[in-house]
Protein backbone atom coordinates (compact mmCIF):
# COMPACT_ATOMS: atom_id res chain seq x y z
CA MET A 1 0.00 0.00 0.00
CA LEU A 2 1.13 3.52 -0.74
CA ASN A 3 -0.02 6.38 1.49
CA VAL A 4 0.72 10.02 0.75
CA CYS A 5 -0.44 12.56 3.33
CA ASN A 6 -0.47 16.35 3.04
CA LEU A 7 1.93 16.49 0.09
CA SER A 8 2.68 19.97 -1.22
CA LYS A 9 4.97 21.06 -4.05
CA LYS A 10 5.83 24.66 -4.89
CA TYR A 11 8.06 26.12 -7.55
CA PHE A 12 9.63 29.54 -7.33
CA THR A 13 10.18 31.52 -10.51
CA ALA A 14 11.16 35.06 -11.35
CA ASP A 15 7.43 35.80 -11.68
CA GLY A 16 6.55 34.41 -8.27
CA GLN A 17 5.43 31.17 -6.66
CA ILE A 18 3.61 28.36 -8.48
CA VAL A 19 1.70 25.88 -6.33
CA ALA A 20 1.71 22.55 -8.17
CA LEU A 21 0.28 20.43 -5.34
CA ASP A 22 -1.44 21.68 -2.20
CA ASN A 23 -1.98 19.23 0.68
CA ILE A 24 -2.68 16.20 -1.51
CA ASN A 25 -3.73 12.94 0.18
CA LEU A 26 -3.57 9.68 -1.74
CA GLN A 27 -3.95 6.02 -0.87
CA VAL A 28 -3.20 3.27 -3.40
CA LYS A 29 -3.99 -0.24 -2.25
CA GLU A 30 -2.30 -3.40 -3.48
CA GLY A 31 -3.60 -4.34 -6.92
CA GLU A 32 -4.90 -0.84 -7.70
CA TYR A 33 -3.56 1.32 -10.53
CA ILE A 34 -3.32 5.08 -10.81
CA ALA A 35 -2.56 7.44 -13.67
CA ILE A 36 -1.20 10.95 -13.61
CA VAL A 37 -2.51 12.85 -16.60
CA GLY A 38 -1.99 16.32 -17.95
CA ASN A 39 -0.91 18.29 -20.96
CA ARG A 40 2.81 18.60 -20.12
CA ALA A 41 4.98 15.54 -19.51
CA GLN A 42 7.69 17.55 -17.78
CA ALA A 43 5.28 18.83 -15.12
CA LYS A 44 4.11 15.33 -14.28
CA GLN A 45 7.66 14.03 -14.01
CA ARG A 46 8.67 16.83 -11.66
CA SER A 47 5.65 16.14 -9.46
CA LEU A 48 6.99 12.66 -8.77
CA ILE A 49 10.47 13.80 -7.79
């Protein structure tokens, strides 16, 4: 099982702060599948790092 609690991710740029994730909670049980979708591959990869 995978549990993620209160995960936040912020990026700081010259234009200011970008909040990518804000207090995300996620539970993935054994045998379940998840997908992370969006229009930019780079943004999804950085969210996992």
